[in-house]
Protein backbone atom coordinates (compact mmCIF):
# COMPACT_ATOMS: atom_id res chain seq x y z
CA MET A 1 13.33 -2.76 -4.35
CA VAL A 2 9.62 -1.36 -4.35
CA LEU A 3 9.05 1.99 -5.83
CA VAL A 4 6.01 4.38 -6.22
CA VAL A 5 5.42 5.27 -9.66
CA VAL A 6 3.12 8.22 -10.52
CA LEU A 7 1.88 7.80 -13.75
CA THR A 8 1.75 11.40 -14.90
CA ARG A 9 2.83 11.42 -18.97
CA PRO A 10 2.23 9.59 -22.11
CA GLU A 11 4.96 7.90 -24.19
CA GLY A 12 5.14 7.57 -27.67
CA GLY A 13 3.35 4.75 -29.19
CA GLY A 14 1.41 4.30 -25.50
CA GLY A 15 -1.98 5.71 -26.41
CA SER A 16 -3.76 8.50 -25.19
CA LYS A 17 -4.06 9.58 -21.37
CA GLU A 18 -7.40 10.66 -21.91
CA GLY A 19 -8.65 7.20 -22.94
CA GLY A 20 -9.65 6.25 -19.62
CA GLU A 21 -10.09 2.44 -19.77
CA VAL A 22 -7.66 -0.17 -18.50
CA PHE A 23 -8.36 -3.84 -19.71
CA LEU A 24 -7.99 -6.61 -17.43
CA GLN A 25 -6.43 -9.31 -19.43
CA ALA A 26 -6.28 -13.03 -17.66
CA ALA A 27 -3.30 -15.12 -18.36
CA GLY A 28 -4.29 -17.68 -20.92
CA GLU A 29 -6.52 -15.29 -23.05
CA SER A 30 -5.31 -14.03 -26.17
CA GLY A 31 -7.34 -10.88 -26.00
CA PRO A 32 -8.54 -8.59 -28.65
CA ASP A 33 -6.82 -8.27 -32.05
CA PRO A 34 -3.78 -10.63 -31.63
CA PHE A 35 -0.62 -10.21 -33.36
CA THR A 36 -0.23 -13.74 -33.49
CA GLU A 37 -1.06 -17.17 -32.46
CA SER A 38 -0.12 -18.00 -28.78
CA THR A 39 3.28 -18.79 -28.37
CA ALA A 40 3.03 -19.46 -24.66
CA ASN A 41 4.47 -22.66 -23.48
CA ASP A 42 1.98 -25.36 -22.08
CA ASP A 43 4.20 -26.40 -19.37
CA ALA A 44 4.64 -22.84 -18.09
CA PRO A 45 3.30 -22.75 -14.40
CA GLU A 46 -0.69 -22.23 -14.16
CA PRO A 47 -1.60 -18.80 -13.33
CA GLY A 48 -3.01 -19.30 -10.17
CA THR A 49 0.21 -20.73 -8.57
CA ALA A 50 2.28 -17.64 -9.70
CA SER A 51 0.16 -14.73 -7.99
CA PRO A 52 1.74 -13.82 -4.36
CA SER A 53 -0.91 -13.84 -1.65
CA VAL A 54 -1.33 -10.61 0.38
CA ALA A 55 -3.98 -9.27 2.79
CA PRO A 56 -6.21 -6.40 1.12
CA SER A 57 -4.76 -2.97 1.54
CA PRO A 58 -6.68 0.27 0.70
CA SER A 59 -5.09 2.73 -1.41
CA LYS A 60 -4.25 5.87 0.07
CA THR A 61 -2.99 7.68 -3.01
CA GLY A 62 -5.58 7.27 -5.76
CA ALA A 63 -5.79 5.40 -8.85
CA GLN A 64 -3.19 7.30 -10.81
CA VAL A 65 -0.27 6.20 -8.35
CA THR A 66 1.00 2.66 -8.69
CA ARG A 67 3.37 0.82 -7.02
CA GLY A 68 6.55 -0.07 -9.30
CA VAL A 69 9.13 -2.58 -8.69
CA ASP A 70 12.65 -3.01 -10.19
CA GLY A 71 12.91 -5.21 -13.51
CA ALA A 72 16.17 -6.88 -11.91
CA ALA A 73 14.75 -7.72 -8.41
CA PRO A 74 14.89 -11.21 -7.51
CA GLY A 75 11.85 -13.12 -7.41
CA LEU A 76 10.26 -10.46 -9.59
CA TYR A 77 9.78 -13.32 -12.16
CA GLY A 78 8.95 -16.98 -12.15
CA GLY A 79 9.20 -20.00 -14.23
CA THR A 80 10.20 -23.58 -14.73
CA GLN A 81 13.97 -24.38 -14.54
CA LYS A 82 15.11 -25.18 -18.05
CA VAL A 83 12.22 -24.64 -19.33
CA ALA A 84 11.07 -21.22 -21.43
CA SER A 85 7.80 -19.92 -20.81
CA CYS A 86 7.32 -18.72 -24.54
CA ASP A 87 8.52 -20.12 -27.78
CA VAL A 88 10.95 -17.33 -29.10
CA GLU A 89 11.42 -19.26 -32.43
CA GLN A 90 7.72 -19.69 -33.33
CA GLN A 91 7.35 -15.92 -32.36
CA VAL A 92 10.06 -15.19 -35.11
CA LYS A 93 8.73 -17.42 -37.38
CA VAL A 94 4.96 -15.91 -37.38
CA LEU A 95 6.01 -12.66 -37.37
CA GLN A 96 8.33 -13.17 -40.56
CA ALA A 97 5.33 -14.89 -42.16
CA ALA A 98 3.28 -11.78 -41.92
CA PRO A 99 5.34 -8.93 -42.96
CA ASP A 100 2.57 -6.41 -42.08
CA LYS A 101 2.31 -7.30 -38.61
CA ASN A 102 5.95 -7.50 -38.42
CA ARG A 103 6.44 -3.81 -39.85
CA ALA A 104 3.51 -2.85 -37.02
CA PHE A 105 5.54 -4.85 -34.51
CA ALA A 106 8.75 -3.00 -35.22
CA SER A 107 6.97 0.41 -35.16
CA VAL A 108 5.70 -0.14 -31.55
CA GLN A 109 9.60 -1.13 -30.28
CA ASP A 110 11.03 1.61 -32.65
CA ILE A 111 13.24 -0.89 -34.76
CA GLU A 112 13.64 -1.82 -38.14
CA PRO A 113 11.30 -4.60 -39.70
CA SER A 114 14.36 -6.22 -40.57
CA ALA A 115 15.82 -6.22 -36.68
CA VAL A 116 12.66 -8.02 -35.39
CA PRO A 117 14.52 -11.38 -35.39
CA GLY A 118 17.61 -10.50 -33.73
CA TYR A 119 15.26 -8.45 -31.21
CA LEU A 120 13.03 -11.33 -30.08
CA ARG A 121 16.00 -13.54 -29.77
CA GLY A 122 17.59 -10.99 -27.23
CA LEU A 123 14.58 -11.32 -24.94
CA THR A 124 14.29 -13.42 -21.78
CA PRO A 125 10.89 -15.45 -21.16
CA VAL A 126 9.48 -15.28 -18.12
CA THR A 127 6.67 -15.61 -16.10
CA LEU A 128 4.79 -12.74 -14.29
CA ARG A 129 4.32 -13.11 -10.70
CA MET A 130 2.21 -9.97 -10.03
CA ASP A 131 -0.63 -8.63 -11.74
CA THR A 132 1.15 -5.94 -14.04
CA ARG A 133 0.14 -2.53 -15.80
CA VAL A 134 1.37 -2.31 -19.20
CA THR A 135 0.65 -0.59 -22.68
CA ASN A 136 -0.50 -3.48 -24.85
CA HIS A 137 -1.03 -3.34 -28.52
CA GLY A 138 -3.55 -5.17 -30.50
CA TYR A 139 -3.10 -5.33 -34.64
CA ARG A 140 -6.08 -3.91 -36.58
CA ASP A 141 -6.27 -2.51 -39.92
CA GLY A 142 -2.79 -2.98 -40.66
CA GLU A 143 -1.54 -0.86 -37.62
CA ALA A 144 -0.70 -1.56 -33.99
CA ASN A 145 -3.45 0.15 -31.79
CA ALA A 146 -2.46 0.70 -28.21
CA TYR A 147 -4.57 0.45 -25.24
CA GLN A 148 -3.79 0.30 -21.29
CA ALA A 149 -3.85 -3.11 -19.76
CA VAL A 150 -3.38 -4.96 -16.64
CA LEU A 151 -1.75 -8.43 -17.11
CA GLN A 152 -2.64 -11.17 -14.76
CA ALA A 153 -0.08 -13.08 -12.58
CA GLY A 154 1.07 -15.99 -14.47
CA THR A 155 1.06 -14.53 -17.86
CA ALA A 156 4.16 -15.63 -20.07
CA VAL A 157 6.14 -12.54 -21.59
CA LEU A 158 9.54 -11.67 -23.11
CA VAL A 159 11.33 -9.08 -21.17
CA ASP A 160 14.32 -6.92 -22.20
CA ASP A 161 17.80 -6.79 -20.47
CA ARG A 162 16.35 -4.25 -17.95
CA GLY A 163 13.62 -6.26 -17.02
CA VAL A 164 10.73 -4.70 -18.76
CA PRO A 165 7.96 -6.63 -20.44
CA ARG A 166 7.92 -6.56 -24.43
CA VAL A 167 6.05 -8.96 -25.43
CA ARG A 168 3.02 -10.98 -24.27
CA CYS A 169 3.04 -14.60 -25.62
CA ALA A 170 -0.47 -15.39 -25.77
CA CYS A 171 -1.13 -13.04 -28.51
CA GLY A 172 2.53 -12.09 -29.44
CA ASN A 173 1.32 -8.41 -28.91
CA PRO A 174 4.47 -5.96 -28.34
CA LEU A 175 4.40 -4.20 -24.91
CA LEU A 176 5.49 -0.77 -23.66
CA PRO A 177 5.39 1.04 -20.20
CA PRO A 178 2.00 2.01 -19.07
CA VAL A 179 0.27 5.59 -19.60
CA ALA A 180 -1.56 7.60 -17.07
CA GLN A 181 -5.37 7.89 -17.74
CA GLU A 182 -7.55 10.32 -16.40
CA ASP A 183 -10.21 8.87 -14.51
CA PRO A 184 -9.29 5.12 -15.61
CA ARG A 185 -11.98 2.54 -15.80
CA GLN A 186 -11.73 -1.19 -15.67
CA THR A 187 -12.59 -3.27 -18.50
CA GLY A 188 -13.09 -7.08 -18.49
CA LYS A 189 -13.61 -9.74 -16.10
CA ALA A 190 -11.74 -9.60 -13.01
CA TRP A 191 -9.74 -12.88 -11.83
CA PRO A 192 -10.04 -14.47 -8.40
CA GLY A 193 -7.89 -12.70 -6.24
CA TYR A 194 -7.57 -9.56 -8.16
CA ARG A 195 -7.08 -6.19 -6.38
CA ALA A 196 -6.15 -2.96 -7.95
CA SER A 197 -4.19 -1.74 -5.05
CA ASP A 198 -1.79 -4.74 -5.83
CA VAL A 199 -1.06 -3.87 -9.50
CA VAL A 200 2.72 -2.89 -10.19
CA VAL A 201 4.63 -1.63 -12.78
CA VAL A 202 7.91 -2.66 -14.06
CA GLU A 203 10.61 -0.28 -13.79
CA PRO A 204 13.45 -0.67 -16.06
CA SER A 205 16.76 -1.50 -14.09
CA GLU A 206 19.60 1.01 -13.64
CA LYS A 207 21.85 -1.53 -15.31
CA PRO A 208 21.44 -4.19 -17.96
CA VAL A 209 20.59 -7.27 -16.15
CA LYS A 210 23.07 -10.32 -16.76
CA GLU A 211 21.13 -13.02 -15.01
CA PHE A 212 17.56 -12.71 -13.99
CA VAL A 213 16.98 -14.61 -10.25
CA MET A 214 13.69 -16.43 -10.68
CA VAL A 215 11.52 -18.65 -8.81
CA ASP A 216 9.53 -21.63 -9.63
CA PRO A 217 6.02 -20.86 -8.00
CA GLU A 218 5.15 -24.66 -8.04
CA ASN A 219 7.84 -25.93 -5.89
CA GLY A 220 9.77 -22.75 -4.52
CA ASP A 221 13.24 -23.60 -6.09
CA TRP A 222 15.36 -20.80 -7.23
CA PHE A 223 17.40 -20.13 -10.46
CA GLU A 224 19.42 -18.02 -12.65
CA ARG A 225 18.47 -17.45 -16.18
CA PRO A 226 20.96 -15.32 -18.24
CA ALA A 227 19.58 -12.59 -20.07
CA GLY A 228 18.54 -13.49 -23.65
CA ASP A 229 18.65 -17.22 -22.39
CA THR A 230 15.75 -19.76 -23.41
CA GLY A 231 16.27 -22.02 -20.22
CA ASP A 232 19.06 -23.77 -21.51
CA GLY A 233 21.67 -21.85 -19.52
CA ASP A 234 19.52 -22.08 -16.06
CA LYS A 235 21.17 -22.89 -12.80
CA LYS A 236 20.02 -23.47 -9.48
CA THR A 237 20.96 -20.65 -6.72
CA ASP A 238 20.07 -20.00 -3.23
CA PRO A 239 16.95 -17.66 -2.14
CA PRO A 240 17.82 -14.01 -1.46
CA LYS A 241 19.40 -13.55 1.98
CA ASP A 242 16.07 -11.85 2.74
CA ALA A 243 14.16 -15.06 2.45
CA SER A 244 11.57 -13.00 0.47
CA GLU A 245 10.45 -15.04 -2.57
CA SER A 246 9.49 -11.74 -4.33
CA PRO A 247 9.38 -7.89 -3.79
CA CYS A 248 6.89 -7.06 -1.24
CA PRO A 249 3.72 -6.47 -3.48
CA PRO A 250 1.60 -3.42 -2.73
CA GLY A 251 0.11 -3.27 0.88
CA SER A 252 3.38 -3.95 2.14
CA ASP A 253 2.43 -3.30 5.92
CA SER A 254 0.60 -6.66 5.50
CA CYS A 255 3.10 -8.46 3.58
CA PRO A 256 3.54 -11.62 5.14
CA THR A 257 7.41 -12.03 3.87
CA SER A 258 8.65 -9.00 5.54
CA PRO A 259 9.24 -9.76 9.19
CA GLY A 260 9.72 -5.80 9.89
CA ASP A 261 6.04 -5.09 9.10
CA THR A 262 4.75 -7.81 11.29
CA THR A 263 6.80 -6.28 14.24
CA SER A 264 5.75 -2.97 13.44
CA GLU A 265 2.31 -3.81 14.06
CA PRO A 266 2.65 -4.49 17.45
CA ALA A 267 3.92 -1.14 18.36
CA PRO A 268 0.35 0.49 18.58
CA ASP A 269 -0.42 -2.47 20.61
CA ASP A 270 2.56 -1.58 23.32
CA PRO A 271 0.74 1.72 24.31
CA THR A 272 -2.35 -0.43 25.31
CA SER A 273 -0.14 -2.94 26.90
CA ARG A 274 1.46 -0.30 29.13
CA PRO A 275 -1.86 0.87 30.62
CA GLY A 276 -2.82 -2.47 31.28
CA GLU A 277 0.33 -3.01 33.20
CA ASP A 278 -0.12 0.45 35.18
CA PRO A 279 -3.37 -0.67 37.11
CA ALA A 280 -1.00 -3.78 38.16
CA THR A 281 1.48 -1.34 39.69
CA SER A 282 -1.60 0.93 41.18
CA GLU A 283 -2.47 -1.91 43.13
CA PRO A 284 0.46 -1.61 45.56
CA PRO A 285 -0.42 2.13 46.26
CA PRO A 286 -3.36 1.39 48.39
CA ASP A 287 -0.80 -0.74 50.58
CA ASP A 288 1.33 2.16 50.64
CA PRO A 289 -0.79 4.14 52.94
CA ALA A 290 -1.05 1.07 54.99
CA THR A 291 2.63 0.91 55.29
CA SER A 292 2.71 4.58 55.80
CA GLU A 293 0.93 4.62 58.98
CA PRO A 294 3.32 1.95 60.95
CA PRO A 295 6.40 4.00 60.23
CA PRO A 296 5.06 6.79 62.75
CA ASP A 297 4.26 3.62 64.97
CA ASP A 298 7.67 2.22 64.66
CA PRO A 299 10.14 4.60 63.65
CA GLY A 300 13.41 2.45 64.10
CA THR A 301 11.78 -0.82 63.99
CA GLU A 302 11.87 -3.40 61.04
CA PRO A 303 9.03 -1.24 59.28
CA ALA A 304 11.66 1.36 58.72
CA PRO A 305 13.33 -0.79 56.02
CA GLU A 306 9.93 -1.58 54.47
CA ASP A 307 9.55 2.01 53.88
CA PRO A 308 12.43 2.08 50.72
CA PRO A 309 10.28 -0.61 49.01
CA GLY A 310 7.19 1.11 50.03
CA SER A 311 8.60 4.83 48.58
CA PRO A 312 9.12 3.39 45.10
CA ASP A 313 5.56 1.89 45.42
CA SER A 314 4.56 5.56 46.43
CA GLN A 315 6.46 6.62 43.52
CA SER A 316 4.71 4.26 41.09
CA ALA A 317 1.14 6.02 41.94
CA PRO A 318 1.90 9.17 40.36
CA GLN A 319 3.36 7.10 37.44
CA PRO A 320 -0.28 6.22 35.81
CA PRO A 321 -0.42 10.05 34.74
CA ALA A 322 2.94 9.55 33.24
CA PRO A 323 1.79 6.84 30.87
CA ASP A 324 -1.16 9.04 30.21
CA THR A 325 0.98 11.93 29.20
CA GLU A 326 2.93 9.42 27.15
CA ALA A 327 -0.15 7.99 25.49
CA PRO A 328 -0.31 11.22 23.05
CA GLN A 329 3.19 10.61 22.01
CA GLU A 330 2.73 7.20 20.86
CA PRO A 331 -0.06 7.70 18.44
CA GLY A 332 2.80 10.28 16.63
CA ALA A 333 5.27 7.44 16.60
CA GLY A 334 2.71 5.13 15.45
CA THR A 335 1.77 7.65 12.19
CA GLY A 336 5.28 7.46 11.42
CA GLN A 337 5.65 3.50 11.22
CA PRO A 338 3.18 2.95 8.53
CA GLY A 339 4.51 5.74 6.52
CA ALA A 340 7.76 4.18 6.04
CA PRO A 341 6.63 0.34 4.65
CA ALA A 342 4.12 2.02 2.48
CA PHE A 343 6.99 3.16 0.05
CA GLY A 344 9.10 -0.09 0.64
């Protein structure tokens, strides 16, 4: 399910909404002030293969409105069956070896430092399939420092049982949901295919997720991964009934996986096709006067039965203005259609 999320209030530990900077972080880069060394699995899918391809769609609502996706949505996350995108045990090991970092990590997630190992083992390793907005945290001067970031599709993360990203594996940084920025400014080098209008926010699912329905971006295979599992419990499954490989990204009116959107596009073409057909029907009207001349000549002869077909033709003559009157109605209907797919 695709939602619309208005980022209007800051959350604890998420940084100030006045900062204004949003850092673009490529999938394979550790970024500034990493908590730990990378624990991302080198066998994870390449970033470029995980990013959905969609046509550009201008944002009509401004930078403060971001499209959201439910954390339990099938196909939101990707990966390789039986392979974890992150080494959870290595993440536990490096944090336990650095008590100050472990304490800072725990403070972000609002847990006790002693609870960090169990917390990490309860998360699920996945790969982002869409550029995703988060609150990232670097480690500097003994503390966690929050900043707003966009993580590239293909980034290995650990998600909680509501489907929300909690750890970025390339740097071990703790993650939180994003915070609104007044007049946000993008910082960092954009990757090929990046569009600000395509960035999403993961919304926590209403209920705890028992199994994440994931897709392998390299071969298109679908599989289920139990929450908190590192791949051993993966099992193959069928694609969702809607045949969509992922929640429709922003710009849903151009989303190639949504047949409803492609059929809605011809709707504005229909009024143009109707006037195109009207001139064809307007050709018989000049024949009608010709057929109207014989009736006075032969009232009881064969031309009389020809008049009935002629009469509808004569009725078709006033029809051209009728579609002209319908024309203003159809733009009204057309304006209603783009509104629907805009919010999924």
